[in-house]
Amino acid sequence: MEKKPILDRAVALRYHEGEDEVPVVVAKGRGLLAERIKELAQESGVPIQEDPQLVDYLMALDLHEEIPPQLYAVVAEVLAYIYSLDKRYR
């Protein structure tokens, strides 16, 4: 039996320091669309962080919507972790 991926959903955020005040939802989807979002991220060298609970909250947002203040701390932790791993994002 083939293992099912941990997440069948994906949300992509954009945050350009100096351009965006807070991270913005730029893509989201389920199933095949989620897999395509992940593939594009990998092909572009964009780090992927899997957090099912965070994805639950982010899936409720509209495209191009800024994340709400309640998510600032958790998204900041994710971004800090990504920045620590990848010098391109420093």
PDB file of N, CA and C in Angstrom:
ATOM      1  N   MET A   1       0.846  -1.179   0.000  1.00  0.00           N
ATOM      2  CA  MET A   1       0.000   0.000   0.000  1.00  0.00           C
ATOM      3  C   MET A   1       0.889   1.239   0.000  1.00  0.00           C
ATOM      4  N   GLU A   2       0.541   2.193  -0.850  1.00  0.00           N
ATOM      5  CA  GLU A   2       1.317   3.428  -0.959  1.00  0.00           C
ATOM      6  C   GLU A   2       0.953   4.370   0.180  1.00  0.00           C
ATOM      7  N   LYS A   3       1.991   5.001   0.759  1.00  0.00           N
ATOM      8  CA  LYS A   3       1.756   5.970   1.835  1.00  0.00           C
ATOM      9  C   LYS A   3       1.178   7.247   1.271  1.00  0.00           C
ATOM     10  N   LYS A   4       0.162   7.776   1.932  1.00  0.00           N
ATOM     11  CA  LYS A   4      -0.438   9.050   1.524  1.00  0.00           C
ATOM     12  C   LYS A   4       0.404  10.179   2.095  1.00  0.00           C
ATOM     13  N   PRO A   5       0.596  11.269   1.337  1.00  0.00           N
ATOM     14  CA  PRO A   5       1.374  12.393   1.851  1.00  0.00           C
ATOM     15  C   PRO A   5       0.746  12.955   3.127  1.00  0.00           C
ATOM     16  N   ILE A   6       1.600  13.517   3.976  1.00  0.00           N
ATOM     17  CA  ILE A   6       1.131  14.092   5.231  1.00  0.00           C
ATOM     18  C   ILE A   6       0.080  15.162   4.960  1.00  0.00           C
ATOM     19  N   LEU A   7       0.337  16.003   3.990  1.00  0.00           N
ATOM     20  CA  LEU A   7      -0.595  17.088   3.681  1.00  0.00           C
ATOM     21  C   LEU A   7      -1.123  16.932   2.264  1.00  0.00           C
ATOM     22  N   ASP A   8      -2.441  16.971   2.112  1.00  0.00           N
ATOM     23  CA  ASP A   8      -3.016  16.990   0.774  1.00  0.00           C
ATOM     24  C   ASP A   8      -3.451  18.405   0.428  1.00  0.00           C
ATOM     25  N   ARG A   9      -2.943  19.360   1.227  1.00  0.00           N
ATOM     26  CA  ARG A   9      -3.241  20.775   1.019  1.00  0.00           C
ATOM     27  C   ARG A   9      -1.929  21.543   1.047  1.00  0.00           C
ATOM     28  N   ALA A  10      -1.931  22.689   0.393  1.00  0.00           N
ATOM     29  CA  ALA A  10      -0.725  23.523   0.401  1.00  0.00           C
ATOM     30  C   ALA A  10      -1.129  24.990   0.319  1.00  0.00           C
ATOM     31  N   VAL A  11      -0.344  25.813   1.002  1.00  0.00           N
ATOM     32  CA  VAL A  11      -0.535  27.261   0.954  1.00  0.00           C
ATOM     33  C   VAL A  11       0.838  27.881   0.737  1.00  0.00           C
ATOM     34  N   ALA A  12       0.914  28.813  -0.200  1.00  0.00           N
ATOM     35  CA  ALA A  12       2.163  29.533  -0.448  1.00  0.00           C
ATOM     36  C   ALA A  12       1.999  30.963   0.048  1.00  0.00           C
ATOM     37  N   LEU A  13       3.006  31.416   0.779  1.00  0.00           N
ATOM     38  CA  LEU A  13       3.020  32.787   1.285  1.00  0.00           C
ATOM     39  C   LEU A  13       4.124  33.566   0.598  1.00  0.00           C
ATOM     40  N   ARG A  14       3.896  34.863   0.436  1.00  0.00           N
ATOM     41  CA  ARG A  14       4.933  35.764  -0.072  1.00  0.00           C
ATOM     42  C   ARG A  14       5.222  36.787   1.009  1.00  0.00           C
ATOM     43  N   TYR A  15       6.516  37.015   1.217  1.00  0.00           N
ATOM     44  CA  TYR A  15       6.910  38.096   2.117  1.00  0.00           C
ATOM     45  C   TYR A  15       8.227  38.664   1.623  1.00  0.00           C
ATOM     46  N   HIS A  16       8.171  39.879   1.101  1.00  0.00           N
ATOM     47  CA  HIS A  16       9.364  40.589   0.661  1.00  0.00           C
ATOM     48  C   HIS A  16       9.579  41.735   1.630  1.00  0.00           C
ATOM     49  N   GLU A  17      10.637  41.615   2.425  1.00  0.00           N
ATOM     50  CA  GLU A  17      10.933  42.666   3.397  1.00  0.00           C
ATOM     51  C   GLU A  17      11.090  43.998   2.675  1.00  0.00           C
ATOM     52  N   GLY A  18      10.445  45.024   3.211  1.00  0.00           N
ATOM     53  CA  GLY A  18      10.491  46.339   2.602  1.00  0.00           C
ATOM     54  C   GLY A  18       9.399  46.566   1.568  1.00  0.00           C
ATOM     55  N   GLU A  19       8.791  45.480   1.097  1.00  0.00           N
ATOM     56  CA  GLU A  19       7.718  45.581   0.109  1.00  0.00           C
ATOM     57  C   GLU A  19       6.371  45.191   0.720  1.00  0.00           C
ATOM     58  N   ASP A  20       6.363  44.082   1.462  1.00  0.00           N
ATOM     59  CA  ASP A  20       5.141  43.605   2.111  1.00  0.00           C
ATOM     60  C   ASP A  20       5.194  43.947   3.589  1.00  0.00           C
ATOM     61  N   GLU A  21       4.082  44.442   4.113  1.00  0.00           N
ATOM     62  CA  GLU A  21       4.028  44.711   5.553  1.00  0.00           C
ATOM     63  C   GLU A  21       3.983  43.406   6.333  1.00  0.00           C
ATOM     64  N   VAL A  22       3.209  42.460   5.837  1.00  0.00           N
ATOM     65  CA  VAL A  22       3.096  41.133   6.456  1.00  0.00           C
ATOM     66  C   VAL A  22       2.998  40.096   5.335  1.00  0.00           C
ATOM     67  N   PRO A  23       3.211  38.810   5.651  1.00  0.00           N
ATOM     68  CA  PRO A  23       3.076  37.776   4.623  1.00  0.00           C
ATOM     69  C   PRO A  23       1.662  37.742   4.025  1.00  0.00           C
ATOM     70  N   VAL A  24       1.610  37.392   2.743  1.00  0.00           N
ATOM     71  CA  VAL A  24       0.370  37.377   1.971  1.00  0.00           C
ATOM     72  C   VAL A  24       0.199  35.994   1.340  1.00  0.00           C
ATOM     73  N   VAL A  25      -1.029  35.488   1.305  1.00  0.00           N
ATOM     74  CA  VAL A  25      -1.329  34.215   0.655  1.00  0.00           C
ATOM     75  C   VAL A  25      -1.306  34.437  -0.858  1.00  0.00           C
ATOM     76  N   VAL A  26      -0.432  33.710  -1.559  1.00  0.00           N
ATOM     77  CA  VAL A  26      -0.337  33.868  -3.013  1.00  0.00           C
ATOM     78  C   VAL A  26      -0.800  32.632  -3.783  1.00  0.00           C
ATOM     79  N   ALA A  27      -0.958  31.506  -3.092  1.00  0.00           N
ATOM     80  CA  ALA A  27      -1.482  30.294  -3.725  1.00  0.00           C
ATOM     81  C   ALA A  27      -1.972  29.363  -2.630  1.00  0.00           C
ATOM     82  N   LYS A  28      -3.017  28.608  -2.958  1.00  0.00           N
ATOM     83  CA  LYS A  28      -3.498  27.590  -2.028  1.00  0.00           C
ATOM     84  C   LYS A  28      -4.303  26.579  -2.812  1.00  0.00           C
ATOM     85  N   GLY A  29      -4.303  25.347  -2.321  1.00  0.00           N
ATOM     86  CA  GLY A  29      -5.061  24.329  -3.022  1.00  0.00           C
ATOM     87  C   GLY A  29      -5.043  23.005  -2.297  1.00  0.00           C
ATOM     88  N   ARG A  30      -5.848  22.091  -2.815  1.00  0.00           N
ATOM     89  CA  ARG A  30      -5.960  20.732  -2.279  1.00  0.00           C
ATOM     90  C   ARG A  30      -5.648  19.732  -3.393  1.00  0.00           C
ATOM     91  N   GLY A  31      -5.281  18.540  -2.988  1.00  0.00           N
ATOM     92  CA  GLY A  31      -5.077  17.462  -3.951  1.00  0.00           C
ATOM     93  C   GLY A  31      -4.008  17.772  -4.982  1.00  0.00           C
ATOM     94  N   LEU A  32      -4.373  17.623  -6.256  1.00  0.00           N
ATOM     95  CA  LEU A  32      -3.407  17.827  -7.342  1.00  0.00           C
ATOM     96  C   LEU A  32      -2.870  19.249  -7.371  1.00  0.00           C
ATOM     97  N   LEU A  33      -3.711  20.226  -7.065  1.00  0.00           N
ATOM     98  CA  LEU A  33      -3.245  21.609  -7.036  1.00  0.00           C
ATOM     99  C   LEU A  33      -2.215  21.799  -5.924  1.00  0.00           C
ATOM    100  N   ALA A  34      -2.453  21.180  -4.779  1.00  0.00           N
ATOM    101  CA  ALA A  34      -1.487  21.261  -3.671  1.00  0.00           C
ATOM    102  C   ALA A  34      -0.155  20.643  -4.082  1.00  0.00           C
ATOM    103  N   GLU A  35      -0.226  19.507  -4.759  1.00  0.00           N
ATOM    104  CA  GLU A  35       1.013  18.866  -5.213  1.00  0.00           C
ATOM    105  C   GLU A  35       1.755  19.756  -6.206  1.00  0.00           C
ATOM    106  N   ARG A  36       1.022  20.418  -7.082  1.00  0.00           N
ATOM    107  CA  ARG A  36       1.659  21.310  -8.067  1.00  0.00           C
ATOM    108  C   ARG A  36       2.303  22.510  -7.384  1.00  0.00           C
ATOM    109  N   ILE A  37       1.634  23.060  -6.369  1.00  0.00           N
ATOM    110  CA  ILE A  37       2.214  24.172  -5.613  1.00  0.00           C
ATOM    111  C   ILE A  37       3.538  23.737  -4.992  1.00  0.00           C
ATOM    112  N   LYS A  38       3.563  22.540  -4.418  1.00  0.00           N
ATOM    113  CA  LYS A  38       4.796  22.026  -3.803  1.00  0.00           C
ATOM    114  C   LYS A  38       5.878  21.780  -4.853  1.00  0.00           C
ATOM    115  N   GLU A  39       5.486  21.231  -6.007  1.00  0.00           N
ATOM    116  CA  GLU A  39       6.455  20.996  -7.083  1.00  0.00           C
ATOM    117  C   GLU A  39       7.085  22.305  -7.546  1.00  0.00           C
ATOM    118  N   LEU A  40       6.256  23.317  -7.750  1.00  0.00           N
ATOM    119  CA  LEU A  40       6.773  24.620  -8.191  1.00  0.00           C
ATOM    120  C   LEU A  40       7.711  25.219  -7.151  1.00  0.00           C
ATOM    121  N   ALA A  41       7.370  25.051  -5.884  1.00  0.00           N
ATOM    122  CA  ALA A  41       8.244  25.551  -4.819  1.00  0.00           C
ATOM    123  C   ALA A  41       9.596  24.844  -4.882  1.00  0.00           C
ATOM    124  N   GLN A  42       9.569  23.518  -5.011  1.00  0.00           N
ATOM    125  CA  GLN A  42      10.818  22.755  -5.074  1.00  0.00           C
ATOM    126  C   GLN A  42      11.646  23.151  -6.293  1.00  0.00           C
ATOM    127  N   GLU A  43      10.991  23.268  -7.440  1.00  0.00           N
ATOM    128  CA  GLU A  43      11.696  23.644  -8.669  1.00  0.00           C
ATOM    129  C   GLU A  43      12.328  25.029  -8.558  1.00  0.00           C
ATOM    130  N   SER A  44      11.693  25.902  -7.795  1.00  0.00           N
ATOM    131  CA  SER A  44      12.185  27.276  -7.630  1.00  0.00           C
ATOM    132  C   SER A  44      13.136  27.423  -6.455  1.00  0.00           C
ATOM    133  N   GLY A  45      13.355  26.339  -5.729  1.00  0.00           N
ATOM    134  CA  GLY A  45      14.243  26.397  -4.576  1.00  0.00           C
ATOM    135  C   GLY A  45      13.626  27.070  -3.364  1.00  0.00           C
ATOM    136  N   VAL A  46      12.298  27.145  -3.341  1.00  0.00           N
ATOM    137  CA  VAL A  46      11.603  27.749  -2.202  1.00  0.00           C
ATOM    138  C   VAL A  46      11.429  26.681  -1.128  1.00  0.00           C
ATOM    139  N   PRO A  47      11.865  26.963   0.098  1.00  0.00           N
ATOM    140  CA  PRO A  47      11.736  25.978   1.174  1.00  0.00           C
ATOM    141  C   PRO A  47      10.266  25.651   1.470  1.00  0.00           C
ATOM    142  N   ILE A  48      10.026  24.396   1.840  1.00  0.00           N
ATOM    143  CA  ILE A  48       8.684  23.938   2.187  1.00  0.00           C
ATOM    144  C   ILE A  48       8.674  23.551   3.659  1.00  0.00           C
ATOM    145  N   GLN A  49       7.697  24.059   4.372  1.00  0.00           N
ATOM    146  CA  GLN A  49       7.519  23.735   5.792  1.00  0.00           C
ATOM    147  C   GLN A  49       6.147  23.090   5.924  1.00  0.00           C
ATOM    148  N   GLU A  50       6.085  21.872   6.461  1.00  0.00           N
ATOM    149  CA  GLU A  50       4.801  21.198   6.626  1.00  0.00           C
ATOM    150  C   GLU A  50       4.319  21.355   8.056  1.00  0.00           C
ATOM    151  N   ASP A  51       3.171  22.003   8.202  1.00  0.00           N
ATOM    152  CA  ASP A  51       2.558  22.244   9.510  1.00  0.00           C
ATOM    153  C   ASP A  51       1.044  22.179   9.313  1.00  0.00           C
ATOM    154  N   PRO A  52       0.442  21.005   9.532  1.00  0.00           N
ATOM    155  CA  PRO A  52      -0.987  20.825   9.255  1.00  0.00           C
ATOM    156  C   PRO A  52      -1.893  21.836   9.955  1.00  0.00           C
ATOM    157  N   GLN A  53      -1.602  22.168  11.193  1.00  0.00           N
ATOM    158  CA  GLN A  53      -2.450  23.113  11.916  1.00  0.00           C
ATOM    159  C   GLN A  53      -2.362  24.516  11.302  1.00  0.00           C
ATOM    160  N   LEU A  54      -1.157  24.945  10.960  1.00  0.00           N
ATOM    161  CA  LEU A  54      -0.992  26.255  10.330  1.00  0.00           C
ATOM    162  C   LEU A  54      -1.694  26.288   8.974  1.00  0.00           C
ATOM    163  N   VAL A  55      -1.585  25.203   8.215  1.00  0.00           N
ATOM    164  CA  VAL A  55      -2.255  25.140   6.915  1.00  0.00           C
ATOM    165  C   VAL A  55      -3.767  25.258   7.090  1.00  0.00           C
ATOM    166  N   ASP A  56      -4.317  24.653   8.152  1.00  0.00           N
ATOM    167  CA  ASP A  56      -5.758  24.797   8.420  1.00  0.00           C
ATOM    168  C   ASP A  56      -6.153  26.265   8.486  1.00  0.00           C
ATOM    169  N   TYR A  57      -5.402  27.044   9.238  1.00  0.00           N
ATOM    170  CA  TYR A  57      -5.704  28.470   9.386  1.00  0.00           C
ATOM    171  C   TYR A  57      -5.509  29.226   8.071  1.00  0.00           C
ATOM    172  N   LEU A  58      -4.408  28.927   7.386  1.00  0.00           N
ATOM    173  CA  LEU A  58      -4.099  29.647   6.148  1.00  0.00           C
ATOM    174  C   LEU A  58      -5.073  29.317   5.020  1.00  0.00           C
ATOM    175  N   MET A  59      -5.589  28.085   4.983  1.00  0.00           N
ATOM    176  CA  MET A  59      -6.554  27.706   3.946  1.00  0.00           C
ATOM    177  C   MET A  59      -7.838  28.520   4.050  1.00  0.00           C
ATOM    178  N   ALA A  60      -8.145  29.015   5.234  1.00  0.00           N
ATOM    179  CA  ALA A  60      -9.365  29.808   5.433  1.00  0.00           C
ATOM    180  C   ALA A  60      -9.233  31.227   4.875  1.00  0.00           C
ATOM    181  N   LEU A  61      -8.014  31.632   4.559  1.00  0.00           N
ATOM    182  CA  LEU A  61      -7.788  32.981   4.034  1.00  0.00           C
ATOM    183  C   LEU A  61      -8.021  33.007   2.524  1.00  0.00           C
ATOM    184  N   ASP A  62      -8.325  34.186   2.012  1.00  0.00           N
ATOM    185  CA  ASP A  62      -8.490  34.372   0.570  1.00  0.00           C
ATOM    186  C   ASP A  62      -7.130  34.603  -0.084  1.00  0.00           C
ATOM    187  N   LEU A  63      -7.065  34.364  -1.395  1.00  0.00           N
ATOM    188  CA  LEU A  63      -5.847  34.686  -2.136  1.00  0.00           C
ATOM    189  C   LEU A  63      -5.569  36.178  -2.030  1.00  0.00           C
ATOM    190  N   HIS A  64      -4.316  36.529  -1.910  1.00  0.00           N
ATOM    191  CA  HIS A  64      -3.836  37.911  -1.792  1.00  0.00           C
ATOM    192  C   HIS A  64      -4.226  38.560  -0.465  1.00  0.00           C
ATOM    193  N   GLU A  65      -4.719  37.751   0.472  1.00  0.00           N
ATOM    194  CA  GLU A  65      -5.059  38.278   1.796  1.00  0.00           C
ATOM    195  C   GLU A  65      -3.830  38.209   2.700  1.00  0.00           C
ATOM    196  N   GLU A  66      -3.627  39.258   3.480  1.00  0.00           N
ATOM    197  CA  GLU A  66      -2.539  39.258   4.459  1.00  0.00           C
ATOM    198  C   GLU A  66      -2.899  38.311   5.596  1.00  0.00           C
ATOM    199  N   ILE A  67      -1.876  37.688   6.176  1.00  0.00           N
ATOM    200  CA  ILE A  67      -2.161  36.836   7.325  1.00  0.00           C
ATOM    201  C   ILE A  67      -2.657  37.719   8.475  1.00  0.00           C
ATOM    202  N   PRO A  68      -3.544  37.186   9.323  1.00  0.00           N
ATOM    203  CA  PRO A  68      -4.065  37.984  10.436  1.00  0.00           C
ATOM    204  C   PRO A  68      -3.053  38.078  11.571  1.00  0.00           C
ATOM    205  N   PRO A  69      -3.195  39.093  12.419  1.00  0.00           N
ATOM    206  CA  PRO A  69      -2.264  39.282  13.540  1.00  0.00           C
ATOM    207  C   PRO A  69      -2.108  38.044  14.430  1.00  0.00           C
ATOM    208  N   GLN A  70      -3.152  37.234  14.541  1.00  0.00           N
ATOM    209  CA  GLN A  70      -3.078  36.032  15.377  1.00  0.00           C
ATOM    210  C   GLN A  70      -2.036  35.033  14.867  1.00  0.00           C
ATOM    211  N   LEU A  71      -1.665  35.128  13.603  1.00  0.00           N
ATOM    212  CA  LEU A  71      -0.696  34.188  13.023  1.00  0.00           C
ATOM    213  C   LEU A  71       0.704  34.771  12.889  1.00  0.00           C
ATOM    214  N   TYR A  72       0.883  36.039  13.238  1.00  0.00           N
ATOM    215  CA  TYR A  72       2.196  36.672  13.083  1.00  0.00           C
ATOM    216  C   TYR A  72       3.300  35.871  13.760  1.00  0.00           C
ATOM    217  N   ALA A  73       3.100  35.496  15.015  1.00  0.00           N
ATOM    218  CA  ALA A  73       4.167  34.831  15.775  1.00  0.00           C
ATOM    219  C   ALA A  73       4.544  33.486  15.165  1.00  0.00           C
ATOM    220  N   VAL A  74       3.550  32.666  14.829  1.00  0.00           N
ATOM    221  CA  VAL A  74       3.859  31.337  14.302  1.00  0.00           C
ATOM    222  C   VAL A  74       4.490  31.428  12.909  1.00  0.00           C
ATOM    223  N   VAL A  75       4.003  32.337  12.067  1.00  0.00           N
ATOM    224  CA  VAL A  75       4.598  32.497  10.734  1.00  0.00           C
ATOM    225  C   VAL A  75       6.004  33.083  10.856  1.00  0.00           C
ATOM    226  N   ALA A  76       6.201  33.981  11.805  1.00  0.00           N
ATOM    227  CA  ALA A  76       7.547  34.536  12.031  1.00  0.00           C
ATOM    228  C   ALA A  76       8.522  33.432  12.427  1.00  0.00           C
ATOM    229  N   GLU A  77       8.066  32.478  13.242  1.00  0.00           N
ATOM    230  CA  GLU A  77       8.927  31.347  13.629  1.00  0.00           C
ATOM    231  C   GLU A  77       9.294  30.513  12.411  1.00  0.00           C
ATOM    232  N   VAL A  78       8.326  30.257  11.549  1.00  0.00           N
ATOM    233  CA  VAL A  78       8.587  29.475  10.334  1.00  0.00           C
ATOM    234  C   VAL A  78       9.585  30.212   9.446  1.00  0.00           C
ATOM    235  N   LEU A  79       9.363  31.508   9.244  1.00  0.00           N
ATOM    236  CA  LEU A  79      10.282  32.288   8.406  1.00  0.00           C
ATOM    237  C   LEU A  79      11.681  32.342   9.008  1.00  0.00           C
ATOM    238  N   ALA A  80      11.767  32.507  10.314  1.00  0.00           N
ATOM    239  CA  ALA A  80      13.078  32.542  10.975  1.00  0.00           C
ATOM    240  C   ALA A  80      13.808  31.219  10.770  1.00  0.00           C
ATOM    241  N   TYR A  81      13.086  30.118  10.862  1.00  0.00           N
ATOM    242  CA  TYR A  81      13.683  28.800  10.657  1.00  0.00           C
ATOM    243  C   TYR A  81      14.190  28.673   9.217  1.00  0.00           C
ATOM    244  N   ILE A  82      13.369  29.081   8.264  1.00  0.00           N
ATOM    245  CA  ILE A  82      13.770  29.012   6.857  1.00  0.00           C
ATOM    246  C   ILE A  82      14.990  29.890   6.607  1.00  0.00           C
ATOM    247  N   TYR A  83      14.972  31.103   7.135  1.00  0.00           N
ATOM    248  CA  TYR A  83      16.104  32.015   6.953  1.00  0.00           C
ATOM    249  C   TYR A  83      17.377  31.432   7.551  1.00  0.00           C
ATOM    250  N   SER A  84      17.253  30.721   8.670  1.00  0.00           N
ATOM    251  CA  SER A  84      18.442  30.143   9.308  1.00  0.00           C
ATOM    252  C   SER A  84      19.044  29.020   8.464  1.00  0.00           C
ATOM    253  N   LEU A  85      18.216  28.366   7.663  1.00  0.00           N
ATOM    254  CA  LEU A  85      18.687  27.269   6.822  1.00  0.00           C
ATOM    255  C   LEU A  85      19.212  27.728   5.469  1.00  0.00           C
ATOM    256  N   ASP A  86      18.672  28.816   4.984  1.00  0.00           N
ATOM    257  CA  ASP A  86      18.961  29.219   3.617  1.00  0.00           C
ATOM    258  C   ASP A  86      19.451  30.660   3.567  1.00  0.00           C
ATOM    259  N   LYS A  87      20.707  30.834   3.261  1.00  0.00           N
ATOM    260  CA  LYS A  87      21.326  32.165   3.257  1.00  0.00           C
ATOM    261  C   LYS A  87      20.725  33.102   2.212  1.00  0.00           C
ATOM    262  N   ARG A  88      20.080  32.547   1.164  1.00  0.00           N
ATOM    263  CA  ARG A  88      19.477  33.404   0.140  1.00  0.00           C
ATOM    264  C   ARG A  88      18.391  34.297   0.713  1.00  0.00           C
ATOM    265  N   TYR A  89      17.789  33.880   1.822  1.00  0.00           N
ATOM    266  CA  TYR A  89      16.655  34.624   2.378  1.00  0.00           C
ATOM    267  C   TYR A  89      17.067  35.565   3.488  1.00  0.00           C
ATOM    268  N   ARG A  90      18.348  35.728   3.719  1.00  0.00           N
ATOM    269  CA  ARG A  90      18.824  36.624   4.791  1.00  0.00           C
ATOM    270  C   ARG A  90      18.888  38.034   4.300  1.00  0.00           C
TER     271      ARG A  90
END
